[in-house]
Protein backbone atom coordinates (compact mmCIF):
# COMPACT_ATOMS: atom_id res chain seq x y z
CA MET A 1 -0.05 0.15 0.11
CA ALA A 2 1.78 3.12 -0.86
CA ARG A 3 1.13 6.49 1.18
CA ILE A 4 1.41 10.42 0.99
CA THR A 5 1.90 12.54 3.17
CA VAL A 6 1.51 16.03 3.58
CA VAL A 7 3.21 18.31 6.43
CA GLY A 8 2.30 22.08 6.17
CA SER A 9 -0.39 24.70 6.86
CA LEU A 10 -4.17 25.11 7.56
CA ASN A 11 -5.25 28.34 7.09
CA TYR A 12 -8.96 30.39 6.87
CA ASP A 13 -9.68 33.32 4.28
CA LEU A 14 -11.30 35.92 4.96
CA VAL A 15 -11.44 38.11 2.26
CA THR A 16 -13.17 41.77 1.41
CA PHE A 17 -13.81 43.08 -1.79
CA THR A 18 -13.95 46.78 -2.11
CA THR A 19 -13.42 49.63 -4.23
CA LYS A 20 -11.62 51.25 -1.85
CA VAL A 21 -8.83 50.79 0.95
CA PRO A 22 -9.85 53.41 4.09
CA GLU A 23 -7.28 54.96 5.82
CA GLY A 24 -6.45 55.33 9.51
CA GLY A 25 -9.73 56.06 11.74
CA GLU A 26 -11.99 56.15 8.02
CA THR A 27 -14.49 53.82 7.52
CA TYR A 28 -15.48 52.30 3.68
CA GLN A 29 -18.88 50.28 3.06
CA ALA A 30 -16.89 46.98 1.33
CA ASP A 31 -18.74 45.88 -1.77
CA ALA A 32 -18.72 41.70 -0.74
CA PHE A 33 -17.09 39.43 1.33
CA GLU A 34 -16.37 35.57 1.01
CA ASN A 35 -14.62 32.86 3.68
CA HIS A 36 -12.47 30.06 2.16
CA LEU A 37 -10.37 27.19 3.25
CA GLY A 38 -6.91 26.85 2.77
CA GLY A 39 -3.18 27.41 3.76
CA LYS A 40 -1.09 25.39 1.14
CA GLY A 41 -0.69 22.63 3.42
CA LEU A 42 -4.60 21.98 3.15
CA ASN A 43 -5.20 22.78 -0.64
CA GLU A 44 -2.27 20.45 -1.25
CA ALA A 45 -4.05 17.22 0.93
CA ILE A 46 -7.30 17.68 -0.65
CA ALA A 47 -6.17 17.82 -4.31
CA THR A 48 -3.86 14.44 -3.24
CA ALA A 49 -6.83 13.14 -1.89
CA ARG A 50 -9.72 13.33 -4.42
CA LEU A 51 -7.39 13.07 -7.24
CA ASN A 52 -5.71 9.94 -5.46
CA GLY A 53 -7.91 7.02 -7.69
CA SER A 54 -6.76 4.48 -6.01
CA PRO A 55 -8.02 2.76 -2.57
CA GLN A 56 -5.10 1.28 -2.20
CA THR A 57 -3.44 4.26 -2.07
CA SER A 58 -3.73 6.75 1.30
CA VAL A 59 -2.91 10.60 2.25
CA ARG A 60 -2.38 12.16 5.53
CA MET A 61 -2.17 15.46 6.51
CA VAL A 62 0.42 16.53 9.32
CA GLY A 63 -0.17 19.82 10.99
CA LYS A 64 -1.49 22.06 13.48
CA VAL A 65 -5.00 24.42 13.91
CA GLY A 66 -6.24 26.09 17.26
CA GLY A 67 -9.18 25.18 19.34
CA ASP A 68 -11.60 27.74 17.21
CA SER A 69 -14.55 27.38 15.25
CA PHE A 70 -12.22 27.92 12.09
CA GLY A 71 -9.82 24.56 13.09
CA LYS A 72 -13.22 22.37 13.39
CA GLU A 73 -14.26 23.65 9.97
CA LEU A 74 -10.33 23.22 8.45
CA LYS A 75 -9.98 19.85 9.95
CA GLY A 76 -13.38 18.62 8.30
CA ALA A 77 -12.71 19.38 4.91
CA LEU A 78 -9.95 17.02 5.46
CA VAL A 79 -11.63 14.46 6.98
CA ASN A 80 -15.51 14.95 4.40
CA ALA A 81 -12.23 14.99 0.87
CA GLY A 82 -11.04 11.11 2.60
CA VAL A 83 -7.57 12.51 4.69
CA ASP A 84 -6.58 10.94 7.14
CA VAL A 85 -5.93 13.72 9.97
CA LYS A 86 -4.72 11.66 13.18
CA TYR A 87 -1.85 13.92 12.81
CA VAL A 88 -3.51 17.07 12.23
CA ASP A 89 -3.82 18.40 16.09
CA THR A 90 -5.79 20.72 17.86
CA VAL A 91 -3.53 23.75 20.04
CA ASP A 92 -5.77 24.84 22.98
CA GLY A 93 -5.56 28.91 23.43
CA VAL A 94 -3.81 29.88 19.99
CA SER A 95 -5.84 30.75 17.18
CA SER A 96 -5.51 29.01 13.96
CA GLY A 97 -4.08 30.25 10.67
CA VAL A 98 -6.13 33.16 9.36
CA ALA A 99 -5.16 35.05 5.88
CA VAL A 100 -6.98 38.60 6.20
CA ILE A 101 -7.20 39.71 2.43
CA LEU A 102 -8.04 43.17 0.84
CA VAL A 103 -9.19 42.62 -2.69
CA GLU A 104 -9.42 46.26 -4.47
CA SER A 105 -11.50 46.31 -7.77
CA SER A 106 -7.97 47.23 -9.43
CA GLY A 107 -6.81 43.57 -8.31
CA GLU A 108 -5.03 44.67 -6.21
CA ASN A 109 -4.74 42.76 -3.09
CA ARG A 110 -3.33 43.45 0.17
CA ILE A 111 -2.94 40.37 2.55
CA LEU A 112 -1.83 39.77 6.79
CA ILE A 113 -0.94 36.28 7.13
CA THR A 114 -1.37 35.54 11.01
CA ALA A 115 0.39 32.22 11.33
CA GLY A 116 -1.70 30.91 14.73
CA ALA A 117 -1.26 27.25 15.40
CA ASN A 118 0.68 26.71 11.65
CA GLY A 119 3.74 28.38 14.02
CA GLU A 120 3.34 25.72 16.37
CA LEU A 121 4.16 22.81 14.13
CA LYS A 122 7.32 21.99 15.06
CA PRO A 123 7.81 18.19 15.11
CA THR A 124 10.07 16.33 18.07
CA HIS A 125 12.48 13.23 16.62
CA GLU A 126 9.90 11.28 18.00
CA GLU A 127 6.99 12.84 16.89
CA TYR A 128 8.49 12.36 13.36
CA ASN A 129 9.65 8.87 14.13
CA ASP A 130 5.75 7.67 15.18
CA ILE A 131 3.94 9.44 12.31
CA PHE A 132 6.46 7.51 9.39
CA SER A 133 6.94 4.55 10.99
CA GLY A 134 5.83 1.43 9.10
CA ASP A 135 6.84 0.41 5.76
CA HIS A 136 4.99 1.49 2.82
CA SER A 137 6.61 1.43 -0.69
CA PRO A 138 6.38 3.65 -2.65
CA GLU A 139 5.73 6.70 -0.31
CA PHE A 140 6.06 10.36 -1.09
CA VAL A 141 6.24 13.54 1.59
CA MET A 142 4.81 16.64 0.43
CA LEU A 143 6.69 20.05 1.83
CA GLN A 144 6.19 23.62 1.13
CA ASN A 145 7.61 26.79 3.16
CA GLU A 146 4.04 27.79 4.98
CA TYR A 147 5.26 26.24 8.24
CA PRO A 148 8.39 26.93 10.51
CA ASP A 149 10.15 23.52 10.13
CA THR A 150 10.65 22.62 6.99
CA ILE A 151 14.17 22.01 6.55
CA LYS A 152 14.00 20.34 9.71
CA THR A 153 11.68 17.51 8.49
CA ILE A 154 14.07 17.35 5.08
CA GLU A 155 17.00 16.80 7.04
CA TRP A 156 14.91 14.57 8.91
CA LEU A 157 13.48 12.30 6.64
CA ASN A 158 16.66 12.15 4.38
CA THR A 159 18.66 11.09 7.38
CA ASN A 160 16.77 8.44 8.87
CA LYS A 161 13.97 7.83 6.03
CA PRO A 162 16.19 7.96 2.99
CA ASP A 163 13.87 5.60 0.82
CA ILE A 164 10.33 7.88 1.34
CA ASN A 165 10.79 10.43 -1.51
CA ILE A 166 10.40 14.00 -0.59
CA ALA A 167 8.51 16.67 -2.83
CA TYR A 168 8.97 20.17 -2.36
CA ASN A 169 7.39 23.26 -3.66
CA PRO A 170 9.29 26.02 -2.25
CA SER A 171 6.71 28.75 -2.19
CA PRO A 172 6.33 31.03 -0.36
CA PHE A 173 9.64 31.44 -1.99
CA LYS A 174 12.38 31.99 0.80
CA PRO A 175 15.87 32.77 -0.67
CA GLU A 176 17.63 31.80 2.77
CA LEU A 177 16.03 28.21 2.46
CA ILE A 178 18.09 27.93 -0.73
CA ASN A 179 21.57 25.91 -1.12
CA GLU A 180 23.10 23.15 -2.24
CA ARG A 181 23.15 20.78 1.12
CA THR A 182 19.97 20.52 1.12
CA TRP A 183 18.51 20.33 -2.06
CA ALA A 184 20.73 17.44 -2.53
CA LYS A 185 18.52 15.82 -0.62
CA LEU A 186 15.10 16.36 -2.31
CA ASP A 187 14.24 13.96 -4.75
CA LEU A 188 11.27 16.03 -6.37
CA LEU A 189 11.35 19.72 -7.09
CA ILE A 190 8.54 21.68 -8.32
CA VAL A 191 8.75 25.09 -9.23
CA ASN A 192 7.13 27.67 -11.10
CA GLU A 193 9.39 29.86 -14.33
CA GLY A 194 10.78 32.55 -11.32
CA GLU A 195 11.53 30.84 -8.52
CA ALA A 196 13.36 27.81 -10.97
CA LYS A 197 15.63 31.48 -12.22
CA ASP A 198 15.78 32.17 -8.80
CA VAL A 199 17.14 29.30 -7.53
CA ALA A 200 19.66 28.74 -10.71
CA GLY A 201 20.44 32.38 -10.07
CA GLN A 202 22.24 31.50 -6.39
CA LEU A 203 23.18 28.00 -7.05
CA LEU A 204 23.70 27.75 -10.99
CA PRO A 205 25.19 31.92 -11.27
CA ASP A 206 26.75 31.61 -14.91
CA THR A 207 23.51 29.72 -16.25
CA VAL A 208 22.51 32.13 -18.87
CA PHE A 209 18.96 32.56 -18.88
CA GLY A 210 15.95 32.67 -21.95
CA GLU A 211 12.14 32.03 -23.10
CA SER A 212 12.51 29.50 -25.65
CA ASN A 213 11.31 25.91 -24.49
CA ASP A 214 15.16 25.04 -25.02
CA ASP A 215 16.38 27.28 -22.52
CA TYR A 216 14.02 25.74 -20.27
CA PHE A 217 14.87 22.35 -21.21
CA GLN A 218 19.01 23.48 -20.44
CA LEU A 219 17.68 24.70 -17.10
CA ALA A 220 15.86 21.52 -15.98
CA ILE A 221 19.02 19.58 -16.84
CA LYS A 222 20.77 21.79 -14.29
CA LEU A 223 18.60 22.12 -11.91
CA ARG A 224 18.20 18.31 -11.93
CA GLY A 225 21.34 17.43 -11.29
CA LEU A 226 21.05 19.15 -7.75
CA LEU A 227 18.74 16.67 -6.50
CA ASN A 228 19.52 13.77 -4.79
CA PRO A 229 19.95 11.14 -6.98
CA LYS A 230 18.94 7.71 -5.30
CA ASN A 231 15.24 7.95 -6.07
CA ILE A 232 13.32 9.79 -8.25
CA GLN A 233 15.56 12.60 -8.97
CA THR A 234 12.66 14.69 -10.62
CA ILE A 235 11.96 18.22 -11.62
CA ILE A 236 9.34 20.47 -12.86
CA ILE A 237 8.73 23.54 -14.26
CA THR A 238 5.53 24.98 -14.34
CA MET A 239 5.15 28.15 -16.41
CA GLY A 240 1.54 29.63 -16.03
CA SER A 241 -0.99 29.30 -19.27
CA HIS A 242 2.16 28.23 -21.37
CA GLY A 243 2.90 24.89 -19.89
CA CYS A 244 5.68 22.81 -18.06
CA VAL A 245 8.95 21.30 -18.44
CA PHE A 246 10.01 17.93 -16.74
CA PHE A 247 12.51 15.81 -16.45
CA GLY A 248 12.97 12.40 -14.39
CA LYS A 249 15.05 9.68 -13.89
CA GLY A 250 14.89 7.20 -16.93
CA MET A 251 14.30 10.07 -18.88
CA ASP A 252 16.73 10.72 -22.08
CA SER A 253 16.04 14.69 -22.21
CA PRO A 254 13.56 17.32 -20.38
CA GLN A 255 9.77 17.49 -22.32
CA PHE A 256 6.66 19.96 -23.18
CA VAL A 257 3.80 19.40 -22.25
CA PRO A 258 1.57 22.32 -22.88
CA SER A 259 -1.05 23.57 -20.61
CA ARG A 260 -5.11 23.00 -22.06
CA LYS A 261 -7.14 26.57 -23.09
CA VAL A 262 -9.86 26.89 -21.08
CA GLU A 263 -12.97 29.72 -22.33
CA LYS A 264 -12.34 31.80 -18.69
CA VAL A 265 -9.93 32.28 -15.88
CA VAL A 266 -11.48 33.25 -13.03
CA ASP A 267 -9.73 32.41 -10.72
CA THR A 268 -6.19 30.62 -10.33
CA THR A 269 -5.97 30.83 -6.39
CA GLY A 270 -5.10 27.06 -5.73
CA ALA A 271 -4.02 26.38 -9.21
CA GLY A 272 -0.61 25.40 -7.97
CA ASP A 273 -1.62 23.27 -5.12
CA THR A 274 -3.72 21.16 -7.35
CA PHE A 275 -1.09 20.22 -9.85
CA PHE A 276 1.35 19.40 -6.82
CA GLY A 277 -1.20 16.88 -5.62
CA GLY A 278 -1.91 15.79 -8.80
CA ILE A 279 1.75 15.51 -10.08
CA ILE A 280 2.19 12.75 -6.64
CA SER A 281 -0.99 11.38 -6.67
CA GLN A 282 -0.32 9.75 -10.04
CA LEU A 283 3.15 8.95 -9.28
CA ALA A 284 2.61 7.41 -5.75
CA ASN A 285 0.13 4.96 -7.91
CA GLY A 286 2.76 3.46 -10.30
CA HIS A 287 1.94 6.29 -13.08
CA THR A 288 4.79 7.44 -15.20
CA LEU A 289 5.63 11.33 -14.74
CA ALA A 290 4.06 12.00 -18.39
CA GLU A 291 1.43 10.81 -17.29
CA ALA A 292 1.45 12.62 -14.14
CA VAL A 293 2.23 16.01 -15.92
CA THR A 294 -1.09 15.45 -17.95
CA PHE A 295 -3.45 14.46 -15.73
CA ALA A 296 -2.07 17.37 -12.84
CA THR A 297 -2.36 19.53 -16.28
CA CYS A 298 -5.94 18.49 -16.78
CA ALA A 299 -6.89 19.04 -13.14
CA SER A 300 -5.15 22.52 -12.68
CA SER A 301 -7.33 23.73 -15.60
CA ILE A 302 -10.66 22.71 -14.17
CA VAL A 303 -9.09 24.53 -10.77
CA VAL A 304 -8.89 28.08 -12.32
CA GLN A 305 -12.70 28.47 -13.52
CA SER A 306 -14.09 28.37 -10.00
CA LYS A 307 -13.74 30.63 -7.33
CA GLY A 308 -12.13 29.05 -3.90
CA ALA A 309 -9.10 26.89 -4.31
CA ALA A 310 -10.04 23.95 -2.20
CA GLU A 311 -13.68 24.18 -3.02
CA SER A 312 -13.26 24.09 -6.81
CA ILE A 313 -10.51 21.15 -6.11
CA PRO A 314 -12.09 18.42 -8.97
CA THR A 315 -12.27 14.73 -8.01
CA TYR A 316 -10.43 12.25 -10.09
CA GLU A 317 -13.01 10.78 -11.27
CA THR A 318 -13.63 14.70 -13.44
CA VAL A 319 -10.80 14.69 -14.04
CA GLN A 320 -10.85 11.47 -16.40
CA LYS A 321 -13.81 12.89 -18.14
CA HIS A 322 -11.84 15.88 -19.30
CA LEU A 323 -8.51 13.31 -20.48
């Protein structure tokens, strides 16, 4: 039985739409208000579970929520999606992670994030031992940068569970976390084109950047060379509406898959997390990297046609109908 573990953030998003942001001491009538479930960890876990398609593969979440109504709703959404929440702890006396978002009519956003319980996600050695006990093959762990101990998780897994594939999306991007020592412990790296260039700028200073597919092929080759060669050693560079370049173990050269065209893009929130979940769910179930990328590309194209992140993530069956 395969197992996928997502370690990361769970946020509650409070979104206000307005034509004007009030000045200090000013009250202004807003246009609309919405609340959404979010956090890259929660989005990734729900996406991976919904896109799984196999009863032989389990998906679970490691995270923390506060002892408030937001925490109950976040945890409930995971359960409804089929995610194992044994290791989603409730921290009493601390609020759940919250993002307060002001969206002006121009499209400009102002976002205030309160880490809340996410800031308490710092597993001990003993907790890691408990979480990653047992034998599951294949096994993947999905990581991002919305909790304090990402690097510690990477180092612990690489040292104590070297057969587990560490899949990492370095978002939100933090330059201080980019170094050859850490990168050499990763098995799958998924970055957008801007992040790929930022990483290369720090670790591959002699790289010349361009915008053609061939330029991204060369960048993928170089970035893949920085990763752990013992497991799947895979790099994926997403390029928004253009498509993505990918290069994994067993492939002779990088390949390109174009994006799927949609009639109208409503909201791109969660598209990247859905793509990530689609990739890992398919790889864990034995599909090739090319098949996983095609599937994930289709899944993310469905997400952008609806509002919200977690709410708009499709199921495996829905994606199959669109392939």
